[in-house]
C-alpha atoms as a PDB file:
ATOM      1  CA  UNK A   1      33.987   2.559  14.219  1.00  0.00           C
ATOM      2  CA  UNK A   2      31.295   5.241  14.148  1.00  0.00           C
ATOM      3  CA  UNK A   3      32.471   8.866  14.224  1.00  0.00           C
ATOM      4  CA  UNK A   4      29.899   9.545  16.995  1.00  0.00           C
ATOM      5  CA  UNK A   5      28.804   6.603  19.083  1.00  0.00           C
ATOM      6  CA  UNK A   6      25.075   6.581  19.700  1.00  0.00           C
ATOM      7  CA  UNK A   7      22.872   4.761  22.165  1.00  0.00           C
ATOM      8  CA  UNK A   8      20.392   2.798  20.052  1.00  0.00           C
ATOM      9  CA  UNK A   9      17.508   0.733  21.406  1.00  0.00           C
ATOM     10  CA  UNK A  10      16.063  -2.050  19.257  1.00  0.00           C
ATOM     11  CA  UNK A  11      12.540  -3.344  19.767  1.00  0.00           C
ATOM     12  CA  UNK A  12      12.061  -6.694  18.058  1.00  0.00           C
ATOM     13  CA  UNK A  13      14.910  -9.192  17.956  1.00  0.00           C
ATOM     14  CA  UNK A  14      13.933 -11.195  14.899  1.00  0.00           C
ATOM     15  CA  UNK A  15      16.062 -11.586  11.793  1.00  0.00           C
ATOM     16  CA  UNK A  16      16.469  -7.859  11.063  1.00  0.00           C
ATOM     17  CA  UNK A  17      16.791  -6.742  14.682  1.00  0.00           C
ATOM     18  CA  UNK A  18      19.394  -9.379  15.512  1.00  0.00           C
ATOM     19  CA  UNK A  19      21.559  -8.585  12.490  1.00  0.00           C
ATOM     20  CA  UNK A  20      21.261  -4.825  13.046  1.00  0.00           C
ATOM     21  CA  UNK A  21      22.197  -5.182  16.709  1.00  0.00           C
ATOM     22  CA  UNK A  22      25.400  -7.018  15.809  1.00  0.00           C
ATOM     23  CA  UNK A  23      26.308  -4.542  13.084  1.00  0.00           C
ATOM     24  CA  UNK A  24      25.623  -1.466  15.203  1.00  0.00           C
ATOM     25  CA  UNK A  25      27.680  -2.812  18.103  1.00  0.00           C
ATOM     26  CA  UNK A  26      30.517  -3.646  15.711  1.00  0.00           C
ATOM     27  CA  UNK A  27      30.342  -0.040  14.459  1.00  0.00           C
ATOM     28  CA  UNK A  28      30.883   1.220  17.993  1.00  0.00           C
ATOM     29  CA  UNK A  29      27.346   2.088  19.060  1.00  0.00           C
ATOM     30  CA  UNK A  30      25.829   1.200  22.413  1.00  0.00           C
ATOM     31  CA  UNK A  31      22.848  -1.086  21.788  1.00  0.00           C
ATOM     32  CA  UNK A  32      19.975  -1.962  24.101  1.00  0.00           C
ATOM     33  CA  UNK A  33      17.965  -4.973  22.954  1.00  0.00           C
ATOM     34  CA  UNK A  34      14.359  -4.621  24.118  1.00  0.00           C
ATOM     35  CA  UNK A  35      12.747  -8.050  24.336  1.00  0.00           C
ATOM     36  CA  UNK A  36       9.586  -7.228  26.283  1.00  0.00           C
ATOM     37  CA  UNK A  37       6.077  -7.084  24.780  1.00  0.00           C
ATOM     38  CA  UNK A  38       4.992  -4.605  27.475  1.00  0.00           C
ATOM     39  CA  UNK A  39       4.906  -1.208  25.736  1.00  0.00           C
ATOM     40  CA  UNK A  40       5.285   0.771  28.978  1.00  0.00           C
ATOM     41  CA  UNK A  41       8.404  -1.183  29.882  1.00  0.00           C
ATOM     42  CA  UNK A  42       9.714  -0.832  26.323  1.00  0.00           C
ATOM     43  CA  UNK A  43       9.221   2.938  26.543  1.00  0.00           C
ATOM     44  CA  UNK A  44      11.212   3.053  29.791  1.00  0.00           C
ATOM     45  CA  UNK A  45      14.099   1.148  28.193  1.00  0.00           C
ATOM     46  CA  UNK A  46      14.007   3.396  25.130  1.00  0.00           C
ATOM     47  CA  UNK A  47      13.933   6.652  27.116  1.00  0.00           C
ATOM     48  CA  UNK A  48      17.704   6.514  27.686  1.00  0.00           C
ATOM     49  CA  UNK A  49      18.498   6.033  23.986  1.00  0.00           C
ATOM     50  CA  UNK A  50      19.128   8.473  21.163  1.00  0.00           C
ATOM     51  CA  UNK A  51      17.176   6.317  18.744  1.00  0.00           C
ATOM     52  CA  UNK A  52      14.607   3.532  18.994  1.00  0.00           C
ATOM     53  CA  UNK A  53      14.496   1.183  16.000  1.00  0.00           C
ATOM     54  CA  UNK A  54      11.248  -0.735  15.569  1.00  0.00           C
ATOM     55  CA  UNK A  55      12.362  -4.032  14.042  1.00  0.00           C
ATOM     56  CA  UNK A  56       8.938  -5.631  14.313  1.00  0.00           C
ATOM     57  CA  UNK A  57       6.632  -7.203  11.742  1.00  0.00           C
ATOM     58  CA  UNK A  58       4.787  -4.640   9.634  1.00  0.00           C
ATOM     59  CA  UNK A  59       1.441  -5.745  11.086  1.00  0.00           C
ATOM     60  CA  UNK A  60       2.557  -4.689  14.581  1.00  0.00           C
ATOM     61  CA  UNK A  61       3.568  -1.147  13.639  1.00  0.00           C
ATOM     62  CA  UNK A  62      -0.011   0.186  13.715  1.00  0.00           C
ATOM     63  CA  UNK A  63      -0.521  -1.357  17.158  1.00  0.00           C
ATOM     64  CA  UNK A  64       2.639   0.289  18.490  1.00  0.00           C
ATOM     65  CA  UNK A  65       1.568   3.619  17.045  1.00  0.00           C
ATOM     66  CA  UNK A  66      -1.606   3.356  19.129  1.00  0.00           C
ATOM     67  CA  UNK A  67       0.016   2.192  22.360  1.00  0.00           C
ATOM     68  CA  UNK A  68       3.724   3.154  22.540  1.00  0.00           C
ATOM     69  CA  UNK A  69       4.652   6.634  23.742  1.00  0.00           C
ATOM     70  CA  UNK A  70       8.269   7.662  24.280  1.00  0.00           C
ATOM     71  CA  UNK A  71       8.902   9.633  27.449  1.00  0.00           C
ATOM     72  CA  UNK A  72      11.292  12.598  27.356  1.00  0.00           C
ATOM     73  CA  UNK A  73      14.947  11.545  27.509  1.00  0.00           C
ATOM     74  CA  UNK A  74      16.682  11.887  30.867  1.00  0.00           C
ATOM     75  CA  UNK A  75      19.617  14.235  31.410  1.00  0.00           C
ATOM     76  CA  UNK A  76      22.486  13.013  29.212  1.00  0.00           C
ATOM     77  CA  UNK A  77      25.028  15.569  30.406  1.00  0.00           C
ATOM     78  CA  UNK A  78      27.282  12.755  31.635  1.00  0.00           C
ATOM     79  CA  UNK A  79      27.725  11.679  28.001  1.00  0.00           C
ATOM     80  CA  UNK A  80      26.438   8.158  28.584  1.00  0.00           C
ATOM     81  CA  UNK A  81      24.433   8.240  25.379  1.00  0.00           C
ATOM     82  CA  UNK A  82      27.098   9.782  23.196  1.00  0.00           C
ATOM     83  CA  UNK A  83      25.774  13.327  23.433  1.00  0.00           C
ATOM     84  CA  UNK A  84      22.486  12.390  21.846  1.00  0.00           C
ATOM     85  CA  UNK A  85      19.895  14.282  23.894  1.00  0.00           C
ATOM     86  CA  UNK A  86      18.789  16.274  26.918  1.00  0.00           C
ATOM     87  CA  UNK A  87      15.851  16.429  29.306  1.00  0.00           C
ATOM     88  CA  UNK A  88      13.951  18.633  26.838  1.00  0.00           C
ATOM     89  CA  UNK A  89      14.016  16.156  23.953  1.00  0.00           C
ATOM     90  CA  UNK A  90      12.604  12.747  23.262  1.00  0.00           C
ATOM     91  CA  UNK A  91      14.389   9.821  21.682  1.00  0.00           C
ATOM     92  CA  UNK A  92      13.786   9.586  17.943  1.00  0.00           C
ATOM     93  CA  UNK A  93      11.952   6.500  16.700  1.00  0.00           C
ATOM     94  CA  UNK A  94      12.255   4.816  13.318  1.00  0.00           C
ATOM     95  CA  UNK A  95      10.753   1.724  11.754  1.00  0.00           C
ATOM     96  CA  UNK A  96      12.690  -0.508   9.346  1.00  0.00           C
ATOM     97  CA  UNK A  97       9.834  -1.442   7.008  1.00  0.00           C
ATOM     98  CA  UNK A  98      10.080  -0.985   3.278  1.00  0.00           C
ATOM     99  CA  UNK A  99       6.322  -0.851   2.687  1.00  0.00           C
ATOM    100  CA  UNK A 100       5.110   1.179   5.695  1.00  0.00           C
ATOM    101  CA  UNK A 101       4.673   4.978   5.406  1.00  0.00           C
ATOM    102  CA  UNK A 102       6.681   7.377   7.540  1.00  0.00           C
ATOM    103  CA  UNK A 103       3.519   8.722   9.174  1.00  0.00           C
ATOM    104  CA  UNK A 104       2.608   5.260  10.476  1.00  0.00           C
ATOM    105  CA  UNK A 105       4.635   5.947  13.657  1.00  0.00           C
ATOM    106  CA  UNK A 106       3.936   9.686  14.003  1.00  0.00           C
ATOM    107  CA  UNK A 107       2.062   9.231  17.297  1.00  0.00           C
ATOM    108  CA  UNK A 108       4.925   7.422  19.048  1.00  0.00           C
ATOM    109  CA  UNK A 109       7.234  10.429  19.110  1.00  0.00           C
ATOM    110  CA  UNK A 110       7.411  13.828  17.374  1.00  0.00           C
ATOM    111  CA  UNK A 111      10.813  12.900  15.945  1.00  0.00           C
ATOM    112  CA  UNK A 112      10.236   9.841  13.779  1.00  0.00           C
ATOM    113  CA  UNK A 113      11.696   8.282  10.683  1.00  0.00           C
ATOM    114  CA  UNK A 114      12.439   5.259   8.536  1.00  0.00           C
ATOM    115  CA  UNK A 115      15.639   3.190   8.518  1.00  0.00           C
ATOM    116  CA  UNK A 116      15.061   0.699   5.673  1.00  0.00           C
ATOM    117  CA  UNK A 117      17.890  -1.744   4.952  1.00  0.00           C
ATOM    118  CA  UNK A 118      17.337  -2.969   1.400  1.00  0.00           C
ATOM    119  CA  UNK A 119      18.471  -6.548   1.879  1.00  0.00           C
ATOM    120  CA  UNK A 120      17.112 -10.023   2.574  1.00  0.00           C
ATOM    121  CA  UNK A 121      17.765 -11.342   6.088  1.00  0.00           C
ATOM    122  CA  UNK A 122      17.896 -14.965   7.245  1.00  0.00           C
ATOM    123  CA  UNK A 123      18.885 -16.535  10.527  1.00  0.00           C
ATOM    124  CA  UNK A 124      22.560 -17.600  10.728  1.00  0.00           C
ATOM    125  CA  UNK A 125      23.461 -15.986   7.373  1.00  0.00           C
ATOM    126  CA  UNK A 126      25.842 -13.053   8.047  1.00  0.00           C
ATOM    127  CA  UNK A 127      25.135  -9.758   6.274  1.00  0.00           C
ATOM    128  CA  UNK A 128      27.852  -7.346   5.162  1.00  0.00           C
ATOM    129  CA  UNK A 129      26.111  -4.076   5.979  1.00  0.00           C
ATOM    130  CA  UNK A 130      28.763  -2.073   4.171  1.00  0.00           C
ATOM    131  CA  UNK A 131      27.129  -3.317   0.939  1.00  0.00           C
ATOM    132  CA  UNK A 132      23.518  -2.878   2.064  1.00  0.00           C
ATOM    133  CA  UNK A 133      21.744   0.235   0.730  1.00  0.00           C
ATOM    134  CA  UNK A 134      20.029   2.027   3.625  1.00  0.00           C
ATOM    135  CA  UNK A 135      17.089   4.245   2.725  1.00  0.00           C
ATOM    136  CA  UNK A 136      16.143   6.890   5.278  1.00  0.00           C
ATOM    137  CA  UNK A 137      13.249   9.293   5.680  1.00  0.00           C
ATOM    138  CA  UNK A 138      12.479  11.590   8.596  1.00  0.00           C
ATOM    139  CA  UNK A 139       9.881  13.935  10.024  1.00  0.00           C
ATOM    140  CA  UNK A 140      12.439  16.698  10.598  1.00  0.00           C
ATOM    141  CA  UNK A 141      16.008  17.680   9.814  1.00  0.00           C
ATOM    142  CA  UNK A 142      17.640  16.679  13.149  1.00  0.00           C
ATOM    143  CA  UNK A 143      16.123  13.188  12.893  1.00  0.00           C
ATOM    144  CA  UNK A 144      17.260  12.904   9.269  1.00  0.00           C
ATOM    145  CA  UNK A 145      20.795  13.869  10.300  1.00  0.00           C
ATOM    146  CA  UNK A 146      20.756  11.318  13.134  1.00  0.00           C
ATOM    147  CA  UNK A 147      19.487   8.500  10.913  1.00  0.00           C
ATOM    148  CA  UNK A 148      21.967   9.355   8.176  1.00  0.00           C
ATOM    149  CA  UNK A 149      24.827   9.435  10.679  1.00  0.00           C
ATOM    150  CA  UNK A 150      23.926   5.983  12.040  1.00  0.00           C
ATOM    151  CA  UNK A 151      23.367   4.604   8.532  1.00  0.00           C
ATOM    152  CA  UNK A 152      26.756   5.858   7.316  1.00  0.00           C
ATOM    153  CA  UNK A 153      28.450   4.119  10.225  1.00  0.00           C
ATOM    154  CA  UNK A 154      27.219   0.844   8.681  1.00  0.00           C
ATOM    155  CA  UNK A 155      26.848   1.289   4.932  1.00  0.00           C
ATOM    156  CA  UNK A 156      28.617   2.797   1.954  1.00  0.00           C
ATOM    157  CA  UNK A 157      25.259   3.532   0.309  1.00  0.00           C
ATOM    158  CA  UNK A 158      22.833   5.777   2.195  1.00  0.00           C
ATOM    159  CA  UNK A 159      19.935   7.496   0.402  1.00  0.00           C
ATOM    160  CA  UNK A 160      17.111   9.763   1.492  1.00  0.00           C
ATOM    161  CA  UNK A 161      14.054   8.147  -0.075  1.00  0.00           C
ATOM    162  CA  UNK A 162      10.417   9.260   0.155  1.00  0.00           C
ATOM    163  CA  UNK A 163       7.627   6.960   1.311  1.00  0.00           C
ATOM    164  CA  UNK A 164       6.257   6.584  -2.232  1.00  0.00           C
ATOM    165  CA  UNK A 165       9.647   5.802  -3.791  1.00  0.00           C
ATOM    166  CA  UNK A 166      10.494   3.391  -0.966  1.00  0.00           C
ATOM    167  CA  UNK A 167       7.240   1.521  -1.624  1.00  0.00           C
ATOM    168  CA  UNK A 168       8.299   1.070  -5.261  1.00  0.00           C
ATOM    169  CA  UNK A 169      11.753  -0.130  -4.174  1.00  0.00           C
ATOM    170  CA  UNK A 170      10.175  -2.622  -1.782  1.00  0.00           C
ATOM    171  CA  UNK A 171       7.866  -3.971  -4.500  1.00  0.00           C
ATOM    172  CA  UNK A 172      10.821  -4.334  -6.864  1.00  0.00           C
ATOM    173  CA  UNK A 173      12.807  -6.086  -4.123  1.00  0.00           C
ATOM    174  CA  UNK A 174      10.006  -8.626  -3.649  1.00  0.00           C
ATOM    175  CA  UNK A 175      10.269  -9.551  -7.331  1.00  0.00           C
ATOM    176  CA  UNK A 176      14.086  -9.519  -7.301  1.00  0.00           C
ATOM    177  CA  UNK A 177      14.539 -11.529  -4.105  1.00  0.00           C
ATOM    178  CA  UNK A 178      11.426 -13.245  -2.742  1.00  0.00           C
ATOM    179  CA  UNK A 179      10.023 -14.397  -6.073  1.00  0.00           C
ATOM    180  CA  UNK A 180      13.455 -15.346  -7.387  1.00  0.00           C
ATOM    181  CA  UNK A 181      13.904 -17.484  -4.287  1.00  0.00           C
ATOM    182  CA  UNK A 182      10.495 -19.056  -4.935  1.00  0.00           C
ATOM    183  CA  UNK A 183      11.674 -20.065  -8.412  1.00  0.00           C
ATOM    184  CA  UNK A 184      14.733 -21.702  -6.856  1.00  0.00           C
ATOM    185  CA  UNK A 185      12.507 -23.474  -4.336  1.00  0.00           C
ATOM    186  CA  UNK A 186      10.373 -24.848  -7.151  1.00  0.00           C
ATOM    187  CA  UNK A 187      13.456 -25.945  -9.101  1.00  0.00           C
ATOM    188  CA  UNK A 188      14.625 -27.802  -5.998  1.00  0.00           C
ATOM    189  CA  UNK A 189      11.280 -29.593  -5.760  1.00  0.00           C
ATOM    190  CA  UNK A 190      11.520 -30.564  -9.431  1.00  0.00           C
ATOM    191  CA  UNK A 191      14.993 -32.139  -9.221  1.00  0.00           C
ATOM    192  CA  UNK A 192      14.097 -33.907  -5.991  1.00  0.00           C
ATOM    193  CA  UNK A 193      11.394 -35.847  -7.837  1.00  0.00           C
ATOM    194  CA  UNK A 194      14.314 -37.793  -9.366  1.00  0.00           C
ATOM    195  CA  UNK A 195      16.423 -37.752  -6.165  1.00  0.00           C
ATOM    196  CA  UNK A 196      18.949 -35.397  -7.743  1.00  0.00           C
ATOM    197  CA  UNK A 197      21.002 -32.936  -5.698  1.00  0.00           C
ATOM    198  CA  UNK A 198      19.964 -29.279  -5.797  1.00  0.00           C
ATOM    199  CA  UNK A 199      23.665 -28.348  -5.586  1.00  0.00           C
ATOM    200  CA  UNK A 200      23.904 -29.153  -9.309  1.00  0.00           C
ATOM    201  CA  UNK A 201      21.910 -25.968  -9.919  1.00  0.00           C
ATOM    202  CA  UNK A 202      23.915 -23.691  -7.630  1.00  0.00           C
ATOM    203  CA  UNK A 203      26.481 -22.659 -10.297  1.00  0.00           C
ATOM    204  CA  UNK A 204      23.790 -21.482 -12.735  1.00  0.00           C
ATOM    205  CA  UNK A 205      22.007 -19.623  -9.932  1.00  0.00           C
ATOM    206  CA  UNK A 206      25.241 -17.943  -8.851  1.00  0.00           C
ATOM    207  CA  UNK A 207      26.182 -16.932 -12.407  1.00  0.00           C
ATOM    208  CA  UNK A 208      22.663 -15.632 -13.066  1.00  0.00           C
ATOM    209  CA  UNK A 209      23.107 -13.258 -10.122  1.00  0.00           C
ATOM    210  CA  UNK A 210      26.704 -12.390 -11.001  1.00  0.00           C
ATOM    211  CA  UNK A 211      25.799 -11.393 -14.565  1.00  0.00           C
ATOM    212  CA  UNK A 212      23.536  -8.663 -13.214  1.00  0.00           C
ATOM    213  CA  UNK A 213      26.617  -6.941 -11.768  1.00  0.00           C
ATOM    214  CA  UNK A 214      27.769  -6.322 -15.338  1.00  0.00           C
ATOM    215  CA  UNK A 215      24.736  -6.250 -17.656  1.00  0.00           C
ATOM    216  CA  UNK A 216      21.052  -5.419 -17.433  1.00  0.00           C
ATOM    217  CA  UNK A 217      18.431  -8.095 -16.667  1.00  0.00           C
ATOM    218  CA  UNK A 218      17.081  -7.702 -20.209  1.00  0.00           C
ATOM    219  CA  UNK A 219      20.526  -8.489 -21.651  1.00  0.00           C
ATOM    220  CA  UNK A 220      21.025 -11.390 -19.244  1.00  0.00           C
ATOM    221  CA  UNK A 221      17.793 -13.174 -20.177  1.00  0.00           C
ATOM    222  CA  UNK A 222      18.281 -16.527 -21.919  1.00  0.00           C
ATOM    223  CA  UNK A 223      16.269 -19.727 -22.374  1.00  0.00           C
ATOM    224  CA  UNK A 224      13.754 -21.425 -24.659  1.00  0.00           C
ATOM    225  CA  UNK A 225      11.009 -18.813 -24.174  1.00  0.00           C
ATOM    226  CA  UNK A 226      13.352 -16.050 -25.351  1.00  0.00           C
ATOM    227  CA  UNK A 227      14.405 -18.123 -28.372  1.00  0.00           C
ATOM    228  CA  UNK A 228      10.852 -19.129 -29.209  1.00  0.00           C
ATOM    229  CA  UNK A 229      11.854 -22.798 -28.895  1.00  0.00           C
ATOM    230  CA  UNK A 230       8.362 -24.325 -28.942  1.00  0.00           C
ATOM    231  CA  UNK A 231       9.652 -27.909 -29.112  1.00  0.00           C
ATOM    232  CA  UNK A 232      11.612 -27.621 -25.857  1.00  0.00           C
ATOM    233  CA  UNK A 233       8.783 -25.796 -24.095  1.00  0.00           C
ATOM    234  CA  UNK A 234       6.337 -28.510 -25.134  1.00  0.00           C
ATOM    235  CA  UNK A 235       8.653 -31.127 -23.617  1.00  0.00           C
ATOM    236  CA  UNK A 236       8.830 -29.094 -20.401  1.00  0.00           C
ATOM    237  CA  UNK A 237       5.046 -28.869 -20.182  1.00  0.00           C
ATOM    238  CA  UNK A 238       4.772 -32.611 -20.729  1.00  0.00           C
ATOM    239  CA  UNK A 239       7.287 -33.284 -17.959  1.00  0.00           C
ATOM    240  CA  UNK A 240       5.419 -31.005 -15.571  1.00  0.00           C
ATOM    241  CA  UNK A 241       2.216 -32.939 -16.250  1.00  0.00           C
ATOM    242  CA  UNK A 242       3.992 -36.236 -15.459  1.00  0.00           C
ATOM    243  CA  UNK A 243       6.159 -35.321 -12.458  1.00  0.00           C
ATOM    244  CA  UNK A 244       4.776 -35.482  -8.894  1.00  0.00           C
ATOM    245  CA  UNK A 245       4.709 -31.689  -8.445  1.00  0.00           C
ATOM    246  CA  UNK A 246       1.928 -29.178  -7.946  1.00  0.00           C
ATOM    247  CA  UNK A 247      -0.573 -29.252 -10.805  1.00  0.00           C
ATOM    248  CA  UNK A 248      -0.475 -25.471 -11.257  1.00  0.00           C
ATOM    249  CA  UNK A 249       3.270 -25.439 -12.056  1.00  0.00           C
ATOM    250  CA  UNK A 250       2.437 -26.050 -15.712  1.00  0.00           C
ATOM    251  CA  UNK A 251       0.234 -22.938 -15.667  1.00  0.00           C
ATOM    252  CA  UNK A 252       2.987 -20.951 -13.929  1.00  0.00           C
ATOM    253  CA  UNK A 253       5.534 -22.151 -16.491  1.00  0.00           C
ATOM    254  CA  UNK A 254       3.235 -21.069 -19.334  1.00  0.00           C
ATOM    255  CA  UNK A 255       2.592 -17.662 -17.776  1.00  0.00           C
ATOM    256  CA  UNK A 256       6.293 -16.938 -17.257  1.00  0.00           C
ATOM    257  CA  UNK A 257       7.254 -18.179 -20.720  1.00  0.00           C
ATOM    258  CA  UNK A 258       4.611 -15.983 -22.346  1.00  0.00           C
ATOM    259  CA  UNK A 259       5.762 -13.009 -20.292  1.00  0.00           C
ATOM    260  CA  UNK A 260       9.386 -13.486 -21.362  1.00  0.00           C
ATOM    261  CA  UNK A 261       8.383 -13.804 -25.012  1.00  0.00           C
ATOM    262  CA  UNK A 262       6.168 -10.701 -24.853  1.00  0.00           C
ATOM    263  CA  UNK A 263       8.827  -8.608 -23.098  1.00  0.00           C
ATOM    264  CA  UNK A 264      11.443  -9.701 -25.632  1.00  0.00           C
ATOM    265  CA  UNK A 265       9.133  -8.838 -28.526  1.00  0.00           C
ATOM    266  CA  UNK A 266       8.334  -5.390 -27.117  1.00  0.00           C
ATOM    267  CA  UNK A 267      11.971  -4.616 -26.312  1.00  0.00           C
ATOM    268  CA  UNK A 268      13.091  -5.756 -29.763  1.00  0.00           C
ATOM    269  CA  UNK A 269      10.440  -3.537 -31.369  1.00  0.00           C
ATOM    270  CA  UNK A 270      11.569  -0.563 -29.294  1.00  0.00           C
ATOM    271  CA  UNK A 271      15.213  -1.187 -30.203  1.00  0.00           C
ATOM    272  CA  UNK A 272      14.360  -1.481 -33.903  1.00  0.00           C
ATOM    273  CA  UNK A 273      12.424   1.772 -33.686  1.00  0.00           C
ATOM    274  CA  UNK A 274      15.362   3.588 -32.087  1.00  0.00           C
ATOM    275  CA  UNK A 275      17.771   2.182 -34.681  1.00  0.00           C
ATOM    276  CA  UNK A 276      15.465   3.199 -37.528  1.00  0.00           C
ATOM    277  CA  UNK A 277      15.228   6.754 -36.179  1.00  0.00           C
ATOM    278  CA  UNK A 278      19.006   6.932 -35.776  1.00  0.00           C
ATOM    279  CA  UNK A 279      19.511   5.726 -39.358  1.00  0.00           C
ATOM    280  CA  UNK A 280      17.170   8.382 -40.758  1.00  0.00           C
ATOM    281  CA  UNK A 281      18.926  11.132 -38.828  1.00  0.00           C
END
């Protein structure tokens, strides 16, 4: 239960908005789900809230910045919004994008921020928000305090992160999640060419992720490319040329294998250099 219950409006009830709505309500906040595409109507719904979260696709944020304007909040002296505002203030607005700058919503309201949940979201897959890092950024101190307060009602890990650092985190997350999932998708397509069950690969996928809780990705890397096993890699390339899969998978395999080998070589050289310096000292 949140220490201070807030009235939070959510615009955009896709994967992120739906999951956030559930989590915020479970934390004790009052949530208004805004499902209209009419920006004037959305602004009217949001006017009663302490915070409007824009859970829309990144491409729509620029459009909302041009068209959405938050009216001053109505008198909240009756406490209906958890003590969040008065007639002289506007609701704060925050987007949830990892790649979009803070200033991208500056025209919507003077008090604006970012509420970025660093997690992958899918329909019908519950998310434990207590384990989701939430990165916040704000135009001013009161908005930062508000966003941090709401974030801490959900998560054990809340960080103030600048636009530039958040962009780097988002890029890293794409590699760690989206591209990892693509590799699993391709592995599924490969085993299905022989009518084998993808579930046979789930244990190795699960352990690959679990290992990263204990050791670094560099330490966790295994496989023929790391070992320099040219015989096995040649067999893999031959299989890829024979199986009914996309023709460019062989090129992708070669690119990834070369990258692993090059990284391993560079990291080994760096380690040897450090050890040599330590021995001399």
